[in-house]
Amino acid sequence: MTSATTEQVSPRTLRKVIVAAGIGNFVEWFDFAVYGFLATTIAQQFFPSGDASAALLKTFAVFAVAFAFRPLGGIFFGMLGDRIGRKRTLAMTILLMAAATTLIGLLPSYAAIGVMAPILLSLIRCAQGFSAGGEYAGACAYLMEHAPSDKRAWYGSFIPVSTFSAFASAAVVAYALEASLSAEAMGSWGWRLPFLIAAPLGLVGLYLRWKLDETPAFQAVTEEHAVAHSPLKETLRNHGAAICCLGAFVSLTALSFYMFTTYFATYLQVAGGLSRATALLVSLIALLFAAAICPLAGLYSDRFGRRMTVVTACVLLMVVVYPSFLMASSGSFAASVVGVMLLAVGAVLCGVVTAALLSETFPTRTRYTASAITYNMAYTLFGGTAPLVATWLITTTGSNLSPAFYLIAIALLALAGGLALPETSRISLHDIASPEKGVGVNATVET
């Protein structure tokens, strides 16, 4: 297929696609953000202990456990999306995510049902992880397969916008609760409110997704009777090298994202001595900044290409991470804001180029499966464990700056993996790929 395919997608349709893809992503990350921002409160409700650090570690461990199910969800929903289509699969993921998130808000605490409380919390988090495994890569594929090739990163940047907006919204809700409720009310019922918001948001997202059509790229594959019968088998046989290289880069996306969003709210309190409300305010400012610059990062990637964006993101993070952590541990509000914003720029560049690369690296037949495996494996190994590893590093080394060196090491790995990928910024995603061929073999460049 040619660029004519993308020209048939009107700006009005693209706006609807952005909203439909973004709202499910918003629900997914709103939950994960709330869990991170309220980690100390959740620790008290589900892991009562005389040792606050131990309780916090257990809370972050449950956070990480949910990520263990993301690769399974990615494989399941990825294969489904490559066989029955992106639209119907994404309707399933948002429904399961919203239901699981709502259940957390209704879950009895340790004081009410004892050890069953943390067990049920872990099970629900696993269900969330399973549904989330099919969400992000699918949303990216759905949006990218509608977008014109010369503006794919710009359009795709609105997926990270919805992610950062979700975290910003979670910070607003958490900050409002902290500021308006007493500690007793917050522990009793206040922490539940953010999770219950997922129910109406999920229903709205389901409605929006169900009203839209399937992507032009998947429709073309269907019309040519070229739908993959075994997407997982094709993916593992033909795209193992691409998965490893892209996964190496996505590991930095995952780590920088969670360092900047979820973990820093805790780091500002533990290392910087800021109050919980002040730490959330710092995070909110940085998140709004991140959401605002996502489209700029998309323009940069479309203008200079994916490889240059990869290099820029990796080098920038290696340069700014140490001063970022140093300023965040200073105890100064202004210095903390600047420090987190520095880290945000690199995280945004990583996130925006990742959204494009997930779809551009793999052919239509197996795009959902391959991108979901790549994304979720990296996020499981380096994203979900970020708060836990950072807390462990500080506890073990006694240095509040030790997580910065961890991020630098991963940035070097990401740079090597990213540079091993070909330039894909102008290739066509509307390919009818044979099982033996990948994007690098049969895709054409749109002009």
Protein backbone atom coordinates (compact mmCIF):
# COMPACT_ATOMS: atom_id res chain seq x y z
CA MET A 1 0.00 0.00 0.00
CA THR A 2 1.03 3.58 -0.55
CA SER A 3 0.74 6.85 1.23
CA ALA A 4 -2.73 7.20 -0.26
CA THR A 5 -3.93 4.93 2.50
CA THR A 6 -3.02 7.39 5.21
CA GLU A 7 -4.39 10.33 3.20
CA GLN A 8 -7.84 8.77 3.44
CA VAL A 9 -7.76 9.21 7.22
CA SER A 10 -9.23 12.65 7.88
CA PRO A 11 -7.97 14.95 10.66
CA ARG A 12 -11.36 14.57 12.34
CA THR A 13 -10.97 10.79 12.43
CA LEU A 14 -7.40 11.12 13.70
CA ARG A 15 -8.63 13.30 16.58
CA LYS A 16 -11.17 10.63 17.51
CA VAL A 17 -8.48 7.96 17.30
CA ILE A 18 -6.19 9.98 19.61
CA VAL A 19 -8.96 10.33 22.22
CA ALA A 20 -10.02 6.68 22.02
CA ALA A 21 -6.44 5.41 22.25
CA GLY A 22 -5.48 7.89 24.95
CA ILE A 23 -8.35 7.36 27.37
CA GLY A 24 -7.60 3.67 27.93
CA ASN A 25 -3.96 4.50 28.41
CA PHE A 26 -5.04 7.21 30.87
CA VAL A 27 -7.04 4.74 32.98
CA GLU A 28 -4.14 2.30 33.03
CA TRP A 29 -1.52 4.78 34.19
CA PHE A 30 -3.83 6.70 36.53
CA ASP A 31 -4.11 3.57 38.63
CA PHE A 32 -0.37 2.86 38.64
CA ALA A 33 0.33 6.50 39.50
CA VAL A 34 -2.13 6.60 42.38
CA TYR A 35 -0.62 3.42 43.80
CA GLY A 36 2.84 4.98 43.71
CA PHE A 37 1.80 8.37 45.10
CA LEU A 38 -0.13 6.77 47.97
CA ALA A 39 2.48 4.06 48.64
CA THR A 40 3.10 5.10 52.24
CA THR A 41 -0.65 5.13 53.02
CA ILE A 42 -1.26 1.80 51.26
CA ALA A 43 1.66 0.31 53.21
CA GLN A 44 -0.07 1.21 56.48
CA GLN A 45 -3.39 -0.28 55.35
CA PHE A 46 -2.15 -3.59 53.92
CA PHE A 47 1.28 -4.19 55.43
CA PRO A 48 1.17 -3.00 59.06
CA SER A 49 4.61 -3.25 60.58
CA GLY A 50 6.77 -1.61 63.20
CA ASP A 51 9.34 -1.01 60.46
CA ALA A 52 8.07 1.64 58.04
CA SER A 53 10.85 0.89 55.53
CA ALA A 54 9.92 -2.81 55.47
CA ALA A 55 6.26 -1.97 54.90
CA LEU A 56 7.18 0.38 52.07
CA LEU A 57 9.38 -2.27 50.46
CA LYS A 58 6.49 -4.76 50.58
CA THR A 59 4.18 -2.21 48.98
CA PHE A 60 6.63 -1.61 46.14
CA ALA A 61 7.12 -5.37 45.84
CA VAL A 62 3.39 -5.76 45.11
CA PHE A 63 3.82 -2.91 42.61
CA ALA A 64 6.54 -4.97 40.91
CA VAL A 65 4.55 -8.25 41.06
CA ALA A 66 1.84 -6.72 38.86
CA PHE A 67 4.46 -6.19 36.18
CA ALA A 68 5.30 -9.89 36.15
CA PHE A 69 1.91 -10.49 34.54
CA ARG A 70 2.34 -7.82 31.91
CA PRO A 71 4.34 -10.04 29.50
CA LEU A 72 1.64 -12.72 29.80
CA GLY A 73 -1.03 -10.15 29.06
CA GLY A 74 1.07 -8.80 26.22
CA ILE A 75 1.35 -12.22 24.61
CA PHE A 76 -2.36 -13.00 25.08
CA PHE A 77 -3.76 -9.68 23.90
CA GLY A 78 -1.02 -9.27 21.30
CA MET A 79 -1.94 -12.53 19.58
CA LEU A 80 -5.61 -11.59 19.88
CA GLY A 81 -4.98 -8.16 18.37
CA ASP A 82 -3.09 -9.64 15.42
CA ARG A 83 -5.87 -12.12 14.77
CA ILE A 84 -9.18 -10.33 15.47
CA GLY A 85 -8.03 -6.72 15.20
CA ARG A 86 -6.83 -3.81 17.33
CA LYS A 87 -10.24 -2.28 18.04
CA ARG A 88 -11.96 -5.25 19.71
CA THR A 89 -8.85 -6.20 21.67
CA LEU A 90 -8.43 -2.70 23.09
CA ALA A 91 -12.08 -2.74 24.19
CA MET A 92 -11.31 -5.84 26.27
CA THR A 93 -8.18 -4.39 27.88
CA ILE A 94 -9.85 -1.21 29.10
CA LEU A 95 -12.82 -3.13 30.51
CA LEU A 96 -10.59 -5.48 32.53
CA MET A 97 -8.32 -2.66 33.71
CA ALA A 98 -11.20 -0.48 34.92
CA ALA A 99 -12.86 -3.37 36.74
CA ALA A 100 -9.67 -4.40 38.56
CA THR A 101 -8.84 -0.83 39.55
CA THR A 102 -12.33 -0.31 40.97
CA LEU A 103 -11.97 -3.49 43.05
CA ILE A 104 -8.88 -2.07 44.77
CA GLY A 105 -10.99 0.84 45.95
CA LEU A 106 -13.45 -1.60 47.50
CA LEU A 107 -10.87 -3.92 49.08
CA PRO A 108 -11.00 -4.38 52.89
CA SER A 109 -7.81 -3.49 54.79
CA TYR A 110 -5.53 -5.72 56.88
CA ALA A 111 -7.34 -4.62 60.03
CA ALA A 112 -10.62 -5.95 58.63
CA ILE A 113 -9.68 -9.32 57.09
CA GLY A 114 -6.08 -9.91 58.11
CA VAL A 115 -3.60 -11.57 55.76
CA MET A 116 -6.23 -11.97 53.05
CA ALA A 117 -6.03 -8.21 52.43
CA PRO A 118 -2.48 -8.17 51.00
CA ILE A 119 -3.17 -11.47 49.18
CA LEU A 120 -6.25 -10.04 47.45
CA LEU A 121 -4.39 -6.82 46.70
CA SER A 122 -1.65 -8.82 45.01
CA LEU A 123 -4.17 -10.85 42.96
CA ILE A 124 -6.00 -7.75 41.77
CA ARG A 125 -2.71 -6.08 40.89
CA CYS A 126 -1.85 -9.17 38.83
CA ALA A 127 -5.15 -8.80 36.93
CA GLN A 128 -4.28 -5.16 36.31
CA GLY A 129 -0.85 -6.12 35.06
CA PHE A 130 -2.37 -8.72 32.74
CA SER A 131 -4.76 -6.20 31.15
CA ALA A 132 -2.11 -3.48 31.02
CA GLY A 133 0.09 -5.88 29.06
CA GLY A 134 -2.19 -5.49 26.05
CA GLU A 135 -2.98 -1.80 26.42
CA TYR A 136 0.01 0.40 25.61
CA ALA A 137 1.44 -1.44 22.61
CA GLY A 138 -2.06 -1.87 21.21
CA ALA A 139 -2.92 1.80 21.66
CA CYS A 140 0.31 2.78 19.92
CA ALA A 141 -0.35 0.42 17.01
CA TYR A 142 -3.93 1.65 16.70
CA LEU A 143 -2.85 5.29 16.52
CA MET A 144 0.27 4.77 14.38
CA GLU A 145 -1.61 2.72 11.80
CA HIS A 146 -3.91 5.71 11.25
CA ALA A 147 -1.22 8.43 11.21
CA PRO A 148 0.68 9.81 8.16
CA SER A 149 4.28 8.64 8.09
CA ASP A 150 5.85 12.12 8.19
CA LYS A 151 4.00 13.02 11.40
CA ARG A 152 3.85 9.65 13.11
CA ALA A 153 5.91 10.59 16.17
CA TRP A 154 3.94 13.82 16.58
CA TYR A 155 0.60 12.02 16.52
CA GLY A 156 2.05 9.20 18.59
CA SER A 157 3.28 11.69 21.21
CA PHE A 158 -0.30 12.06 22.42
CA ILE A 159 -0.10 8.56 23.88
CA PRO A 160 2.70 9.69 26.25
CA VAL A 161 0.67 12.90 26.79
CA SER A 162 -2.18 10.76 28.12
CA THR A 163 0.31 8.87 30.27
CA PHE A 164 1.80 11.98 31.87
CA SER A 165 -1.66 13.54 32.15
CA ALA A 166 -2.79 10.45 34.03
CA PHE A 167 0.08 10.81 36.46
CA ALA A 168 -0.60 14.55 36.80
CA SER A 169 -4.28 13.89 37.48
CA ALA A 170 -3.34 11.25 40.04
CA ALA A 171 -0.98 13.74 41.69
CA VAL A 172 -3.75 16.36 41.82
CA VAL A 173 -6.17 13.91 43.39
CA ALA A 174 -3.58 12.62 45.87
CA TYR A 175 -2.47 16.18 46.73
CA ALA A 176 -6.08 17.31 47.25
CA LEU A 177 -6.76 14.36 49.51
CA GLU A 178 -3.59 14.93 51.52
CA ALA A 179 -4.38 18.63 51.91
CA SER A 180 -8.06 18.29 52.82
CA LEU A 181 -8.30 15.10 54.90
CA SER A 182 -6.91 14.18 58.28
CA ALA A 183 -4.50 11.25 58.56
CA GLU A 184 -7.29 9.16 60.08
CA ALA A 185 -9.76 9.93 57.28
CA MET A 186 -7.10 9.35 54.65
CA GLY A 187 -6.27 5.94 56.09
CA SER A 188 -9.90 4.99 56.59
CA TRP A 189 -11.51 5.90 53.26
CA GLY A 190 -9.74 8.77 51.50
CA TRP A 191 -7.17 6.59 49.73
CA ARG A 192 -9.97 4.57 48.10
CA LEU A 193 -11.51 7.45 46.14
CA PRO A 194 -8.91 7.67 43.33
CA PHE A 195 -9.30 3.98 42.52
CA LEU A 196 -13.08 4.25 42.29
CA ILE A 197 -12.76 6.92 39.58
CA ALA A 198 -11.67 4.18 37.17
CA ALA A 199 -15.20 2.78 36.79
CA PRO A 200 -16.82 5.70 34.91
CA LEU A 201 -13.63 6.46 32.97
CA GLY A 202 -13.45 2.86 31.80
CA LEU A 203 -17.05 2.90 30.55
CA VAL A 204 -16.45 6.11 28.61
CA GLY A 205 -13.30 4.64 27.08
CA LEU A 206 -15.11 1.45 26.11
CA TYR A 207 -17.83 3.44 24.37
CA LEU A 208 -15.34 5.58 22.43
CA ARG A 209 -13.30 2.61 21.27
CA TRP A 210 -16.31 0.62 20.20
CA LYS A 211 -17.57 3.49 18.01
CA LEU A 212 -14.40 3.64 15.89
CA ASP A 213 -13.40 1.51 12.91
CA GLU A 214 -10.51 -0.91 12.63
CA THR A 215 -7.16 0.51 11.46
CA PRO A 216 -6.51 0.81 7.69
CA ALA A 217 -3.38 -1.34 8.00
CA PHE A 218 -5.15 -4.25 9.70
CA GLN A 219 -8.13 -3.95 7.32
CA ALA A 220 -5.71 -4.29 4.41
CA VAL A 221 -4.17 -7.43 5.91
CA THR A 222 -7.64 -8.87 6.45
CA GLU A 223 -8.76 -8.10 2.89
CA GLU A 224 -5.65 -9.83 1.52
CA HIS A 225 -6.32 -12.86 3.77
CA ALA A 226 -2.85 -12.36 5.25
CA VAL A 227 -3.77 -12.40 8.94
CA ALA A 228 -1.18 -14.38 10.92
CA HIS A 229 -2.44 -17.76 12.11
CA SER A 230 0.28 -18.01 14.75
CA PRO A 231 1.52 -14.46 15.57
CA LEU A 232 3.65 -15.60 18.52
CA LYS A 233 5.45 -18.26 16.51
CA GLU A 234 6.14 -15.82 13.66
CA THR A 235 7.32 -13.18 16.11
CA LEU A 236 9.80 -15.46 17.87
CA ARG A 237 11.07 -16.95 14.62
CA ASN A 238 11.54 -13.74 12.64
CA HIS A 239 11.95 -10.83 15.06
CA GLY A 240 14.06 -12.05 17.97
CA ALA A 241 16.98 -9.73 17.19
CA ALA A 242 14.72 -6.69 16.79
CA ILE A 243 12.97 -7.48 20.06
CA CYS A 244 16.30 -7.64 21.91
CA CYS A 245 17.64 -4.39 20.42
CA LEU A 246 14.42 -2.43 20.88
CA GLY A 247 13.92 -3.98 24.31
CA ALA A 248 17.34 -2.70 25.38
CA PHE A 249 16.28 0.83 24.54
CA VAL A 250 12.80 0.48 26.04
CA SER A 251 14.48 -0.56 29.31
CA LEU A 252 15.71 3.03 29.65
CA THR A 253 12.25 4.34 28.76
CA ALA A 254 10.79 2.21 31.53
CA LEU A 255 13.41 3.04 34.14
CA SER A 256 13.51 6.80 33.50
CA PHE A 257 9.72 6.94 33.39
CA TYR A 258 9.23 5.27 36.76
CA MET A 259 12.16 7.03 38.36
CA PHE A 260 10.66 10.35 37.32
CA THR A 261 6.98 9.64 37.94
CA THR A 262 6.37 7.03 40.62
CA TYR A 263 9.57 6.83 42.64
CA PHE A 264 10.49 10.51 42.88
CA ALA A 265 7.42 11.33 44.98
CA THR A 266 8.81 8.94 47.60
CA TYR A 267 12.45 10.01 47.06
CA LEU A 268 11.62 13.66 47.70
CA GLN A 269 10.20 12.67 51.09
CA VAL A 270 12.84 10.15 52.14
CA ALA A 271 16.00 11.83 50.80
CA GLY A 272 14.87 15.44 50.55
CA GLY A 273 12.83 15.60 53.73
CA LEU A 274 9.85 17.22 52.00
CA SER A 275 6.34 16.64 53.29
CA ARG A 276 4.12 14.26 51.36
CA ALA A 277 1.93 17.10 50.09
CA THR A 278 4.94 19.16 48.95
CA ALA A 279 6.50 16.15 47.21
CA LEU A 280 3.25 15.57 45.32
CA LEU A 281 3.17 19.24 44.29
CA VAL A 282 6.71 18.99 42.90
CA SER A 283 5.72 15.87 40.97
CA LEU A 284 2.61 17.59 39.63
CA ILE A 285 4.58 20.54 38.25
CA ALA A 286 7.05 18.21 36.55
CA LEU A 287 4.31 16.00 35.11
CA LEU A 288 2.44 18.94 33.58
CA PHE A 289 5.74 20.08 32.10
CA ALA A 290 6.33 16.59 30.67
CA ALA A 291 2.86 16.40 29.10
CA ALA A 292 3.36 19.84 27.52
CA ILE A 293 6.67 18.98 25.83
CA CYS A 294 5.63 15.57 24.43
CA PRO A 295 4.43 17.03 21.09
CA LEU A 296 7.71 18.97 20.83
CA ALA A 297 9.60 15.71 21.28
CA GLY A 298 7.43 14.21 18.53
CA LEU A 299 8.28 17.06 16.18
CA TYR A 300 11.97 16.58 16.98
CA SER A 301 11.81 12.86 16.22
CA ASP A 302 9.92 13.37 12.95
CA ARG A 303 12.41 16.05 11.90
CA PHE A 304 15.70 14.36 12.83
CA GLY A 305 14.73 10.67 12.82
CA ARG A 306 14.46 7.90 15.38
CA ARG A 307 18.18 7.14 15.73
CA MET A 308 19.08 10.76 16.50
CA THR A 309 16.26 10.89 19.05
CA VAL A 310 17.57 7.71 20.67
CA VAL A 311 21.07 9.17 20.96
CA THR A 312 19.76 12.48 22.29
CA ALA A 313 17.62 10.80 24.95
CA CYS A 314 20.35 8.46 26.19
CA VAL A 315 23.10 11.09 26.34
CA LEU A 316 20.81 13.65 27.96
CA LEU A 317 19.75 11.26 30.71
CA MET A 318 23.33 10.25 31.44
CA VAL A 319 24.29 13.93 31.77
CA VAL A 320 21.38 15.17 33.89
CA VAL A 321 20.54 12.23 36.17
CA TYR A 322 23.21 12.89 38.80
CA PRO A 323 22.46 16.63 39.23
CA SER A 324 18.76 15.76 39.11
CA PHE A 325 19.01 13.40 42.08
CA LEU A 326 21.35 15.81 43.87
CA MET A 327 18.87 18.69 43.60
CA ALA A 328 15.92 16.47 44.52
CA SER A 329 17.67 15.45 47.76
CA SER A 330 18.53 19.04 48.71
CA GLY A 331 15.31 19.69 50.61
CA SER A 332 14.71 22.88 48.57
CA PHE A 333 11.37 23.16 46.79
CA ALA A 334 12.75 25.15 43.84
CA ALA A 335 15.81 22.93 43.40
CA SER A 336 13.62 19.83 43.58
CA VAL A 337 11.34 21.14 40.82
CA VAL A 338 14.30 21.89 38.54
CA GLY A 339 15.88 18.51 39.28
CA VAL A 340 12.76 16.53 38.43
CA MET A 341 12.14 18.59 35.28
CA LEU A 342 15.65 17.84 34.05
CA LEU A 343 14.96 14.14 34.33
CA ALA A 344 11.57 14.65 32.70
CA VAL A 345 13.06 15.92 29.42
CA GLY A 346 15.04 12.73 28.88
CA ALA A 347 12.12 10.54 29.96
CA VAL A 348 9.80 12.32 27.52
CA LEU A 349 12.19 11.87 24.59
CA CYS A 350 12.49 8.17 25.42
CA GLY A 351 8.73 7.74 25.73
CA VAL A 352 7.84 9.51 22.50
CA VAL A 353 10.37 7.72 20.30
CA THR A 354 9.43 4.39 21.93
CA ALA A 355 5.78 4.90 20.96
CA ALA A 356 6.86 5.23 17.33
CA LEU A 357 9.48 2.47 17.33
CA LEU A 358 7.08 -0.11 18.80
CA SER A 359 5.01 0.04 15.63
CA GLU A 360 7.69 0.86 13.07
CA THR A 361 10.03 -2.00 13.99
CA PHE A 362 7.55 -4.80 13.22
CA PRO A 363 5.24 -5.70 10.28
CA THR A 364 1.45 -5.45 10.44
CA ARG A 365 0.87 -9.21 10.67
CA THR A 366 2.68 -9.49 14.03
CA ARG A 367 2.95 -5.83 15.10
CA TYR A 368 0.71 -6.11 18.16
CA THR A 369 2.30 -9.32 19.44
CA ALA A 370 5.93 -8.32 18.85
CA SER A 371 5.58 -4.79 20.22
CA ALA A 372 3.64 -5.97 23.28
CA ILE A 373 6.30 -8.58 24.11
CA THR A 374 9.10 -6.05 23.68
CA TYR A 375 7.43 -3.31 25.68
CA ASN A 376 6.21 -5.45 28.55
CA MET A 377 9.39 -7.44 29.03
CA ALA A 378 11.37 -4.21 29.34
CA TYR A 379 8.84 -2.62 31.67
CA THR A 380 8.66 -5.74 33.82
CA LEU A 381 12.43 -5.98 34.24
CA PHE A 382 13.24 -2.30 34.56
CA GLY A 383 10.02 -0.34 35.11
CA GLY A 384 8.08 -2.28 37.71
CA THR A 385 11.23 -2.93 39.72
CA ALA A 386 12.47 0.71 39.60
CA PRO A 387 11.05 1.84 42.98
CA LEU A 388 12.09 -1.43 44.63
CA VAL A 389 15.64 -1.37 43.21
CA ALA A 390 16.08 2.31 44.02
CA THR A 391 14.95 1.79 47.61
CA TRP A 392 17.19 -1.27 47.95
CA LEU A 393 20.22 0.56 46.50
CA ILE A 394 19.85 3.43 48.95
CA THR A 395 19.35 1.04 51.87
CA THR A 396 22.33 -1.12 50.86
CA THR A 397 24.83 1.58 49.91
CA GLY A 398 23.71 4.28 52.30
CA SER A 399 23.87 6.79 49.43
CA ASN A 400 20.78 8.66 48.28
CA LEU A 401 22.45 9.16 44.88
CA SER A 402 23.01 5.47 44.08
CA PRO A 403 19.88 5.16 41.85
CA ALA A 404 21.42 7.77 39.53
CA PHE A 405 24.35 5.48 38.70
CA TYR A 406 21.93 2.62 38.06
CA LEU A 407 20.12 4.74 35.47
CA ILE A 408 23.42 5.71 33.80
CA ALA A 409 24.33 2.02 33.40
CA ILE A 410 20.97 1.25 31.79
CA ALA A 411 21.34 4.29 29.51
CA LEU A 412 24.55 2.83 28.09
CA LEU A 413 22.75 -0.47 27.39
CA ALA A 414 19.88 1.42 25.78
CA LEU A 415 22.21 3.42 23.55
CA ALA A 416 23.80 0.24 22.21
CA GLY A 417 20.42 -1.38 21.55
CA GLY A 418 18.89 1.71 19.97
CA LEU A 419 21.79 2.26 17.58
CA ALA A 420 21.50 -1.36 16.39
CA LEU A 421 18.03 -0.56 14.99
CA PRO A 422 17.57 0.82 11.45
CA GLU A 423 16.10 4.27 10.79
CA THR A 424 12.31 3.83 10.50
CA SER A 425 10.88 7.34 10.63
CA ARG A 426 9.49 7.33 7.07
CA ILE A 427 8.66 3.70 6.39
CA SER A 428 5.12 2.64 5.52
CA LEU A 429 3.18 0.71 8.14
CA HIS A 430 0.66 -0.41 5.53
CA ASP A 431 2.55 -3.49 4.47
CA ILE A 432 1.25 -6.92 3.63
CA ALA A 433 4.17 -8.79 5.14
CA SER A 434 4.83 -12.42 4.43
CA PRO A 435 5.69 -14.61 7.43
CA GLU A 436 9.31 -14.69 6.36
CA LYS A 437 9.76 -10.94 6.08
CA GLY A 438 9.95 -8.15 8.62
CA VAL A 439 9.70 -4.42 8.34
CA GLY A 440 13.34 -3.96 7.46
CA VAL A 441 12.93 -6.24 4.43
CA ASN A 442 9.68 -5.33 2.74
CA ALA A 443 8.58 -1.95 4.01
CA THR A 444 8.74 1.02 1.69
CA VAL A 445 9.47 4.62 2.46
CA GLU A 446 6.55 6.98 2.03
CA THR A 447 7.19 10.23 0.29
